[in-house]
Amino acid sequence: MGGSRSRVGVAVTLALMAALTGCGASGGDDSSGEGAESSSTSAPAETRQPPTPTPSPSPSREAADGTDVGACFDGSCEIAVSKPTRVKVDSRFRVPNLRVTKITADTVVVESSGPGTFLRTSLAEGGTGIQNGIGFRLKSLESGTAVLEFFAD
């Protein structure tokens, strides 16, 4: 029985040594991070503030000519449209029937037609198109209103 007591004593001693050397090491650099817990002497945890909400984008700017499609006759205007609209321009632009035919959440469709001719351009915000002698740019599209700039090609 003496042998079994010494084995138990050795096992207990080894267990105590393992516990003492594995746990309470202080002042050493243990960069592994495994099993490390913060001690009561560490700095308090940083208080995190919720992120500051970013301001919502300002509404798109107003069209220089408002909704006055008549301002486009000379081929230079900036108008706001929110429904299908005919845009009359001088015949020198060779687009006798220029129309904004569709406005969706992310595109505007501009069409023109004449004898033997049909042109269609679909624009996303910032896009530019040209039909015969007139160009147009979708400057902004927000809440179903498109701001279109027309210019001579």
C-alpha atoms as a PDB file:
ATOM      1  CA  MET A   1       0.000   0.000   0.000  1.00  0.00           C
ATOM      2  CA  GLY A   2       2.948   2.257   0.470  1.00  0.00           C
ATOM      3  CA  GLY A   3       3.551   2.287  -3.280  1.00  0.00           C
ATOM      4  CA  SER A   4       0.077   3.453  -4.093  1.00  0.00           C
ATOM      5  CA  ARG A   5       0.350   6.341  -1.631  1.00  0.00           C
ATOM      6  CA  SER A   6       3.553   7.562  -3.223  1.00  0.00           C
ATOM      7  CA  ARG A   7       1.961   7.415  -6.677  1.00  0.00           C
ATOM      8  CA  VAL A   8      -0.999   9.454  -5.430  1.00  0.00           C
ATOM      9  CA  GLY A   9       1.403  11.895  -3.783  1.00  0.00           C
ATOM     10  CA  VAL A  10       3.367  12.271  -7.019  1.00  0.00           C
ATOM     11  CA  ALA A  11       0.168  12.755  -9.043  1.00  0.00           C
ATOM     12  CA  VAL A  12      -1.110  15.399  -6.624  1.00  0.00           C
ATOM     13  CA  THR A  13       2.244  17.154  -6.638  1.00  0.00           C
ATOM     14  CA  LEU A  14       2.367  17.190 -10.460  1.00  0.00           C
ATOM     15  CA  ALA A  15      -1.211  18.472 -10.645  1.00  0.00           C
ATOM     16  CA  LEU A  16      -0.437  21.282  -8.204  1.00  0.00           C
ATOM     17  CA  MET A  17       2.715  22.240 -10.107  1.00  0.00           C
ATOM     18  CA  ALA A  18       0.824  22.300 -13.377  1.00  0.00           C
ATOM     19  CA  ALA A  19      -1.905  24.434 -11.855  1.00  0.00           C
ATOM     20  CA  LEU A  20       0.551  26.870 -10.310  1.00  0.00           C
ATOM     21  CA  THR A  21       2.706  27.308 -13.399  1.00  0.00           C
ATOM     22  CA  GLY A  22      -0.193  27.480 -15.899  1.00  0.00           C
ATOM     23  CA  CYS A  23      -2.442  29.943 -14.108  1.00  0.00           C
ATOM     24  CA  GLY A  24      -1.141  32.829 -12.109  1.00  0.00           C
ATOM     25  CA  ALA A  25       1.838  33.877 -14.166  1.00  0.00           C
ATOM     26  CA  SER A  26       2.088  37.621 -13.830  1.00  0.00           C
ATOM     27  CA  GLY A  27       4.420  40.097 -15.383  1.00  0.00           C
ATOM     28  CA  GLY A  28       5.298  37.729 -18.234  1.00  0.00           C
ATOM     29  CA  ASP A  29       4.587  38.446 -21.866  1.00  0.00           C
ATOM     30  CA  ASP A  30       2.036  35.927 -23.062  1.00  0.00           C
ATOM     31  CA  SER A  31       1.148  37.043 -26.544  1.00  0.00           C
ATOM     32  CA  SER A  32      -0.795  33.900 -27.356  1.00  0.00           C
ATOM     33  CA  GLY A  33      -3.944  35.259 -25.717  1.00  0.00           C
ATOM     34  CA  GLU A  34      -5.226  31.742 -25.019  1.00  0.00           C
ATOM     35  CA  GLY A  35      -6.931  31.450 -21.674  1.00  0.00           C
ATOM     36  CA  ALA A  36      -5.900  34.977 -20.763  1.00  0.00           C
ATOM     37  CA  GLU A  37      -8.368  36.904 -18.692  1.00  0.00           C
ATOM     38  CA  SER A  38      -8.134  40.538 -17.801  1.00  0.00           C
ATOM     39  CA  SER A  39      -6.950  41.165 -14.257  1.00  0.00           C
ATOM     40  CA  SER A  40      -8.507  43.612 -11.854  1.00  0.00           C
ATOM     41  CA  THR A  41      -5.575  45.983 -12.400  1.00  0.00           C
ATOM     42  CA  SER A  42      -6.125  46.407 -16.150  1.00  0.00           C
ATOM     43  CA  ALA A  43      -7.515  49.634 -17.613  1.00  0.00           C
ATOM     44  CA  PRO A  44     -11.309  49.908 -17.765  1.00  0.00           C
ATOM     45  CA  ALA A  45     -12.935  48.867 -21.016  1.00  0.00           C
ATOM     46  CA  GLU A  46     -13.377  51.661 -23.533  1.00  0.00           C
ATOM     47  CA  THR A  47     -16.935  52.937 -23.715  1.00  0.00           C
ATOM     48  CA  ARG A  48     -18.149  52.860 -27.299  1.00  0.00           C
ATOM     49  CA  GLN A  49     -20.562  55.464 -28.549  1.00  0.00           C
ATOM     50  CA  PRO A  50     -23.070  54.516 -31.237  1.00  0.00           C
ATOM     51  CA  PRO A  51     -21.986  55.786 -34.666  1.00  0.00           C
ATOM     52  CA  THR A  52     -23.191  59.246 -35.530  1.00  0.00           C
ATOM     53  CA  PRO A  53     -25.799  58.938 -38.261  1.00  0.00           C
ATOM     54  CA  THR A  54     -24.767  60.512 -41.535  1.00  0.00           C
ATOM     55  CA  PRO A  55     -27.135  63.169 -42.772  1.00  0.00           C
ATOM     56  CA  SER A  56     -29.479  62.049 -45.518  1.00  0.00           C
ATOM     57  CA  PRO A  57     -28.547  63.363 -48.935  1.00  0.00           C
ATOM     58  CA  SER A  58     -30.037  66.705 -49.740  1.00  0.00           C
ATOM     59  CA  PRO A  59     -32.743  66.686 -52.357  1.00  0.00           C
ATOM     60  CA  SER A  60     -31.541  67.070 -55.906  1.00  0.00           C
ATOM     61  CA  ARG A  61     -31.133  70.612 -57.021  1.00  0.00           C
ATOM     62  CA  GLU A  62     -33.880  72.440 -58.791  1.00  0.00           C
ATOM     63  CA  ALA A  63     -33.964  72.544 -62.579  1.00  0.00           C
ATOM     64  CA  ALA A  64     -32.814  75.926 -63.904  1.00  0.00           C
ATOM     65  CA  ASP A  65     -35.921  76.232 -66.108  1.00  0.00           C
ATOM     66  CA  GLY A  66     -38.283  74.484 -63.703  1.00  0.00           C
ATOM     67  CA  THR A  67     -40.956  72.583 -65.616  1.00  0.00           C
ATOM     68  CA  ASP A  68     -41.031  75.009 -68.577  1.00  0.00           C
ATOM     69  CA  VAL A  69     -40.491  72.692 -71.581  1.00  0.00           C
ATOM     70  CA  GLY A  70     -40.841  75.750 -73.847  1.00  0.00           C
ATOM     71  CA  ALA A  71     -37.386  76.817 -72.621  1.00  0.00           C
ATOM     72  CA  CYS A  72     -35.941  73.896 -74.604  1.00  0.00           C
ATOM     73  CA  PHE A  73     -36.963  75.152 -78.047  1.00  0.00           C
ATOM     74  CA  ASP A  74     -33.486  76.575 -78.732  1.00  0.00           C
ATOM     75  CA  GLY A  75     -31.862  73.292 -77.669  1.00  0.00           C
ATOM     76  CA  SER A  76     -30.505  74.583 -74.367  1.00  0.00           C
ATOM     77  CA  CYS A  77     -32.471  74.068 -71.163  1.00  0.00           C
ATOM     78  CA  GLU A  78     -32.655  72.277 -67.851  1.00  0.00           C
ATOM     79  CA  ILE A  79     -36.112  71.026 -66.940  1.00  0.00           C
ATOM     80  CA  ALA A  80     -37.778  68.834 -64.324  1.00  0.00           C
ATOM     81  CA  VAL A  81     -40.221  66.194 -65.567  1.00  0.00           C
ATOM     82  CA  SER A  82     -42.207  63.649 -63.582  1.00  0.00           C
ATOM     83  CA  LYS A  83     -44.494  62.218 -66.271  1.00  0.00           C
ATOM     84  CA  PRO A  84     -44.349  61.575 -70.021  1.00  0.00           C
ATOM     85  CA  THR A  85     -43.730  64.934 -71.663  1.00  0.00           C
ATOM     86  CA  ARG A  86     -43.330  66.256 -75.206  1.00  0.00           C
ATOM     87  CA  VAL A  87     -40.374  68.590 -75.669  1.00  0.00           C
ATOM     88  CA  LYS A  88     -40.667  70.899 -78.683  1.00  0.00           C
ATOM     89  CA  VAL A  89     -37.332  71.877 -80.200  1.00  0.00           C
ATOM     90  CA  ASP A  90     -36.362  73.823 -83.313  1.00  0.00           C
ATOM     91  CA  SER A  91     -36.494  71.818 -86.565  1.00  0.00           C
ATOM     92  CA  ARG A  92     -32.732  72.346 -87.109  1.00  0.00           C
ATOM     93  CA  PHE A  93     -32.182  69.540 -84.520  1.00  0.00           C
ATOM     94  CA  ARG A  94     -33.964  67.032 -86.815  1.00  0.00           C
ATOM     95  CA  VAL A  95     -36.078  65.548 -84.007  1.00  0.00           C
ATOM     96  CA  PRO A  96     -39.644  66.534 -84.883  1.00  0.00           C
ATOM     97  CA  ASN A  97     -41.281  64.529 -82.092  1.00  0.00           C
ATOM     98  CA  LEU A  98     -38.987  64.540 -79.025  1.00  0.00           C
ATOM     99  CA  ARG A  99     -40.565  63.018 -75.899  1.00  0.00           C
ATOM    100  CA  VAL A 100     -39.708  61.830 -72.415  1.00  0.00           C
ATOM    101  CA  THR A 101     -41.775  58.635 -72.485  1.00  0.00           C
ATOM    102  CA  LYS A 102     -40.939  56.828 -69.243  1.00  0.00           C
ATOM    103  CA  ILE A 103     -39.583  57.653 -65.797  1.00  0.00           C
ATOM    104  CA  THR A 104     -38.786  54.813 -63.407  1.00  0.00           C
ATOM    105  CA  ALA A 105     -36.950  54.709 -60.079  1.00  0.00           C
ATOM    106  CA  ASP A 106     -33.582  54.520 -61.848  1.00  0.00           C
ATOM    107  CA  THR A 107     -34.002  55.369 -65.557  1.00  0.00           C
ATOM    108  CA  VAL A 108     -35.551  57.847 -67.945  1.00  0.00           C
ATOM    109  CA  VAL A 109     -36.451  57.020 -71.554  1.00  0.00           C
ATOM    110  CA  VAL A 110     -36.221  59.726 -74.242  1.00  0.00           C
ATOM    111  CA  GLU A 111     -37.636  58.997 -77.703  1.00  0.00           C
ATOM    112  CA  SER A 112     -37.898  60.860 -80.976  1.00  0.00           C
ATOM    113  CA  SER A 113     -39.520  59.951 -84.218  1.00  0.00           C
ATOM    114  CA  GLY A 114     -40.091  61.322 -87.670  1.00  0.00           C
ATOM    115  CA  PRO A 115     -40.662  60.047 -91.185  1.00  0.00           C
ATOM    116  CA  GLY A 116     -38.791  56.725 -91.342  1.00  0.00           C
ATOM    117  CA  THR A 117     -36.992  57.373 -88.035  1.00  0.00           C
ATOM    118  CA  PHE A 118     -37.454  56.164 -84.462  1.00  0.00           C
ATOM    119  CA  LEU A 119     -34.806  56.746 -81.801  1.00  0.00           C
ATOM    120  CA  ARG A 120     -34.926  55.631 -78.154  1.00  0.00           C
ATOM    121  CA  THR A 121     -32.382  56.322 -75.410  1.00  0.00           C
ATOM    122  CA  SER A 122     -32.561  55.024 -71.856  1.00  0.00           C
ATOM    123  CA  LEU A 123     -30.535  56.959 -69.288  1.00  0.00           C
ATOM    124  CA  ALA A 124     -29.440  56.294 -65.736  1.00  0.00           C
ATOM    125  CA  GLU A 125     -28.552  59.185 -63.457  1.00  0.00           C
ATOM    126  CA  GLY A 126     -25.486  60.978 -64.878  1.00  0.00           C
ATOM    127  CA  GLY A 127     -25.969  59.385 -68.319  1.00  0.00           C
ATOM    128  CA  THR A 128     -25.847  61.311 -71.584  1.00  0.00           C
ATOM    129  CA  GLY A 129     -27.542  60.611 -74.913  1.00  0.00           C
ATOM    130  CA  ILE A 130     -27.735  62.203 -78.344  1.00  0.00           C
ATOM    131  CA  GLN A 131     -30.511  61.957 -80.900  1.00  0.00           C
ATOM    132  CA  ASN A 132     -29.726  63.562 -84.227  1.00  0.00           C
ATOM    133  CA  GLY A 133     -28.742  67.163 -83.400  1.00  0.00           C
ATOM    134  CA  ILE A 134     -29.665  67.390 -79.732  1.00  0.00           C
ATOM    135  CA  GLY A 135     -27.998  65.981 -76.640  1.00  0.00           C
ATOM    136  CA  PHE A 136     -29.417  65.424 -73.188  1.00  0.00           C
ATOM    137  CA  ARG A 137     -28.093  64.464 -69.772  1.00  0.00           C
ATOM    138  CA  LEU A 138     -29.966  63.031 -66.801  1.00  0.00           C
ATOM    139  CA  LYS A 139     -28.612  65.269 -64.040  1.00  0.00           C
ATOM    140  CA  SER A 140     -30.686  63.781 -61.231  1.00  0.00           C
ATOM    141  CA  LEU A 141     -33.518  61.370 -60.617  1.00  0.00           C
ATOM    142  CA  GLU A 142     -35.257  61.424 -57.274  1.00  0.00           C
ATOM    143  CA  SER A 143     -38.762  60.537 -56.094  1.00  0.00           C
ATOM    144  CA  GLY A 144     -40.057  60.135 -59.649  1.00  0.00           C
ATOM    145  CA  THR A 145     -38.783  63.526 -60.858  1.00  0.00           C
ATOM    146  CA  ALA A 146     -36.017  63.723 -63.439  1.00  0.00           C
ATOM    147  CA  VAL A 147     -33.890  66.793 -64.030  1.00  0.00           C
ATOM    148  CA  LEU A 148     -32.817  66.724 -67.675  1.00  0.00           C
ATOM    149  CA  GLU A 149     -30.372  69.074 -69.334  1.00  0.00           C
ATOM    150  CA  PHE A 150     -30.748  69.488 -73.116  1.00  0.00           C
ATOM    151  CA  PHE A 151     -27.919  70.905 -75.223  1.00  0.00           C
ATOM    152  CA  ALA A 152     -27.091  71.412 -78.893  1.00  0.00           C
ATOM    153  CA  ASP A 153     -24.875  68.680 -80.285  1.00  0.00           C
END
